[in-house]
Amino acid sequence: KGQLARSGGGKGPGFEGGQMPLQRRLIKRGFKNLFKKEFQIVNLDTLEKFFSDGEAVNPETLKEKGLISKTTDVKILSRGVINKPLMIKANRFSKGAIEKIRQAGGKAEVI
């Protein structure tokens, strides 16, 4: 007989016997931004390795080659060197990536 004998009996997680639980003693800090944009990151050295001259690069082709996990917003970053003229379409580019793509004779287009 008693609380533990009943269905759903027992104390909940975090119960500390009447003492103020740790969860409520600690201060609240920060929050989760519901409007934050998540980007799939792809670097120029990866594009150099997986694509040939003049080939079109867009979220669909990146997904086909397994460079991104799902066809969502893509951001191209400037790590590495690119020597091929690629036609790249993405949602965002870093400034360095745009410069390197243009120097290689390619084109960076924001979708």
C-alpha atoms as a PDB file:
ATOM      1  CA  LYS A   1       0.000   0.000   0.000  1.00  0.00           C
ATOM      2  CA  GLY A   2       1.053   3.564  -0.484  1.00  0.00           C
ATOM      3  CA  GLN A   3       2.171   5.924  -3.228  1.00  0.00           C
ATOM      4  CA  LEU A   4       4.650   3.514  -4.836  1.00  0.00           C
ATOM      5  CA  ALA A   5       2.014   0.756  -5.031  1.00  0.00           C
ATOM      6  CA  ARG A   6      -0.305   2.908  -7.117  1.00  0.00           C
ATOM      7  CA  SER A   7      -0.114   3.197 -10.872  1.00  0.00           C
ATOM      8  CA  GLY A   8       1.978   6.190 -11.867  1.00  0.00           C
ATOM      9  CA  GLY A   9       3.123   6.389  -8.260  1.00  0.00           C
ATOM     10  CA  GLY A  10       6.494   7.610  -7.188  1.00  0.00           C
ATOM     11  CA  LYS A  11       8.114  10.967  -7.383  1.00  0.00           C
ATOM     12  CA  GLY A  12       8.864  12.650 -10.661  1.00  0.00           C
ATOM     13  CA  PRO A  13      12.344  13.211 -12.013  1.00  0.00           C
ATOM     14  CA  GLY A  14      13.990  16.146 -10.297  1.00  0.00           C
ATOM     15  CA  PHE A  15      11.977  15.794  -7.083  1.00  0.00           C
ATOM     16  CA  GLU A  16      14.209  16.597  -4.118  1.00  0.00           C
ATOM     17  CA  GLY A  17      11.964  15.944  -1.132  1.00  0.00           C
ATOM     18  CA  GLY A  18      10.455  19.388  -0.688  1.00  0.00           C
ATOM     19  CA  GLN A  19      13.741  21.228  -1.264  1.00  0.00           C
ATOM     20  CA  MET A  20      13.672  23.698  -4.163  1.00  0.00           C
ATOM     21  CA  PRO A  21      14.730  21.590  -7.191  1.00  0.00           C
ATOM     22  CA  LEU A  22      18.007  22.375  -8.935  1.00  0.00           C
ATOM     23  CA  GLN A  23      16.127  23.179 -12.151  1.00  0.00           C
ATOM     24  CA  ARG A  24      14.326  26.030 -10.371  1.00  0.00           C
ATOM     25  CA  ARG A  25      17.304  27.181  -8.272  1.00  0.00           C
ATOM     26  CA  LEU A  26      19.514  27.934 -11.288  1.00  0.00           C
ATOM     27  CA  ILE A  27      19.071  31.109 -13.294  1.00  0.00           C
ATOM     28  CA  LYS A  28      17.550  31.031 -16.755  1.00  0.00           C
ATOM     29  CA  ARG A  29      19.955  32.028 -19.522  1.00  0.00           C
ATOM     30  CA  GLY A  30      19.527  32.330 -23.277  1.00  0.00           C
ATOM     31  CA  PHE A  31      16.766  31.107 -25.522  1.00  0.00           C
ATOM     32  CA  LYS A  32      16.207  29.134 -28.724  1.00  0.00           C
ATOM     33  CA  ASN A  33      15.639  31.375 -31.730  1.00  0.00           C
ATOM     34  CA  LEU A  34      12.663  29.935 -33.623  1.00  0.00           C
ATOM     35  CA  PHE A  35      13.476  31.970 -36.743  1.00  0.00           C
ATOM     36  CA  LYS A  36      17.144  30.946 -37.090  1.00  0.00           C
ATOM     37  CA  LYS A  37      18.134  29.863 -40.608  1.00  0.00           C
ATOM     38  CA  GLU A  38      20.103  26.607 -40.774  1.00  0.00           C
ATOM     39  CA  PHE A  39      22.486  26.249 -43.701  1.00  0.00           C
ATOM     40  CA  GLN A  40      24.231  23.222 -45.144  1.00  0.00           C
ATOM     41  CA  ILE A  41      27.897  24.251 -45.478  1.00  0.00           C
ATOM     42  CA  VAL A  42      29.961  23.366 -48.571  1.00  0.00           C
ATOM     43  CA  ASN A  43      33.540  24.552 -49.109  1.00  0.00           C
ATOM     44  CA  LEU A  44      35.235  25.355 -52.422  1.00  0.00           C
ATOM     45  CA  ASP A  45      37.833  22.575 -52.047  1.00  0.00           C
ATOM     46  CA  THR A  46      34.954  20.061 -51.943  1.00  0.00           C
ATOM     47  CA  LEU A  47      33.428  21.506 -55.124  1.00  0.00           C
ATOM     48  CA  GLU A  48      36.864  21.360 -56.795  1.00  0.00           C
ATOM     49  CA  LYS A  49      37.104  17.651 -55.989  1.00  0.00           C
ATOM     50  CA  PHE A  50      33.578  16.550 -56.980  1.00  0.00           C
ATOM     51  CA  PHE A  51      32.707  18.709 -60.013  1.00  0.00           C
ATOM     52  CA  SER A  52      34.285  19.067 -63.470  1.00  0.00           C
ATOM     53  CA  ASP A  53      34.857  22.212 -65.599  1.00  0.00           C
ATOM     54  CA  GLY A  54      31.731  24.224 -66.431  1.00  0.00           C
ATOM     55  CA  GLU A  55      29.438  21.875 -64.532  1.00  0.00           C
ATOM     56  CA  ALA A  56      26.366  23.393 -62.864  1.00  0.00           C
ATOM     57  CA  VAL A  57      26.380  23.294 -59.069  1.00  0.00           C
ATOM     58  CA  ASN A  58      23.057  23.677 -57.253  1.00  0.00           C
ATOM     59  CA  PRO A  59      21.395  22.105 -54.192  1.00  0.00           C
ATOM     60  CA  GLU A  60      20.004  19.228 -56.297  1.00  0.00           C
ATOM     61  CA  THR A  61      23.412  18.240 -57.753  1.00  0.00           C
ATOM     62  CA  LEU A  62      25.042  18.590 -54.320  1.00  0.00           C
ATOM     63  CA  LYS A  63      22.412  16.202 -52.895  1.00  0.00           C
ATOM     64  CA  GLU A  64      22.942  13.697 -55.742  1.00  0.00           C
ATOM     65  CA  LYS A  65      26.693  13.608 -55.044  1.00  0.00           C
ATOM     66  CA  GLY A  66      26.096  13.188 -51.302  1.00  0.00           C
ATOM     67  CA  LEU A  67      27.681  16.502 -50.285  1.00  0.00           C
ATOM     68  CA  ILE A  68      24.604  17.660 -48.364  1.00  0.00           C
ATOM     69  CA  SER A  69      22.112  15.568 -46.432  1.00  0.00           C
ATOM     70  CA  LYS A  70      18.914  17.252 -47.600  1.00  0.00           C
ATOM     71  CA  THR A  71      17.954  19.784 -50.222  1.00  0.00           C
ATOM     72  CA  THR A  72      17.708  22.857 -48.004  1.00  0.00           C
ATOM     73  CA  ASP A  73      19.495  26.198 -47.880  1.00  0.00           C
ATOM     74  CA  VAL A  74      23.163  25.926 -48.868  1.00  0.00           C
ATOM     75  CA  LYS A  75      26.028  28.271 -48.025  1.00  0.00           C
ATOM     76  CA  ILE A  76      29.315  28.169 -49.958  1.00  0.00           C
ATOM     77  CA  LEU A  77      32.436  29.004 -47.932  1.00  0.00           C
ATOM     78  CA  SER A  78      35.898  29.863 -49.261  1.00  0.00           C
ATOM     79  CA  ARG A  79      38.091  27.136 -47.708  1.00  0.00           C
ATOM     80  CA  GLY A  80      40.540  25.723 -50.241  1.00  0.00           C
ATOM     81  CA  VAL A  81      41.428  26.637 -53.807  1.00  0.00           C
ATOM     82  CA  ILE A  82      39.222  26.424 -56.886  1.00  0.00           C
ATOM     83  CA  ASN A  83      40.673  26.357 -60.409  1.00  0.00           C
ATOM     84  CA  LYS A  84      37.636  25.201 -62.403  1.00  0.00           C
ATOM     85  CA  PRO A  85      35.064  27.602 -63.864  1.00  0.00           C
ATOM     86  CA  LEU A  86      31.885  26.385 -62.144  1.00  0.00           C
ATOM     87  CA  MET A  87      28.381  27.824 -62.375  1.00  0.00           C
ATOM     88  CA  ILE A  88      27.303  27.767 -58.728  1.00  0.00           C
ATOM     89  CA  LYS A  89      23.790  28.479 -57.454  1.00  0.00           C
ATOM     90  CA  ALA A  90      23.323  28.629 -53.682  1.00  0.00           C
ATOM     91  CA  ASN A  91      21.351  30.503 -51.051  1.00  0.00           C
ATOM     92  CA  ARG A  92      24.393  32.249 -49.556  1.00  0.00           C
ATOM     93  CA  PHE A  93      28.074  32.803 -50.346  1.00  0.00           C
ATOM     94  CA  SER A  94      30.909  34.157 -48.244  1.00  0.00           C
ATOM     95  CA  LYS A  95      32.713  37.185 -49.726  1.00  0.00           C
ATOM     96  CA  GLY A  96      35.916  35.179 -50.126  1.00  0.00           C
ATOM     97  CA  ALA A  97      34.074  32.400 -51.950  1.00  0.00           C
ATOM     98  CA  ILE A  98      32.581  34.842 -54.479  1.00  0.00           C
ATOM     99  CA  GLU A  99      36.024  36.309 -55.200  1.00  0.00           C
ATOM    100  CA  LYS A 100      37.660  32.890 -55.673  1.00  0.00           C
ATOM    101  CA  ILE A 101      34.834  31.651 -57.933  1.00  0.00           C
ATOM    102  CA  ARG A 102      35.101  34.742 -60.162  1.00  0.00           C
ATOM    103  CA  GLN A 103      38.919  34.502 -60.323  1.00  0.00           C
ATOM    104  CA  ALA A 104      38.557  30.915 -61.550  1.00  0.00           C
ATOM    105  CA  GLY A 105      36.206  32.115 -64.321  1.00  0.00           C
ATOM    106  CA  GLY A 106      33.063  30.783 -62.698  1.00  0.00           C
ATOM    107  CA  LYS A 107      29.798  32.379 -61.710  1.00  0.00           C
ATOM    108  CA  ALA A 108      28.165  32.662 -58.260  1.00  0.00           C
ATOM    109  CA  GLU A 109      24.406  33.159 -58.319  1.00  0.00           C
ATOM    110  CA  VAL A 110      22.209  33.613 -55.244  1.00  0.00           C
ATOM    111  CA  ILE A 111      18.979  31.629 -55.457  1.00  0.00           C
END
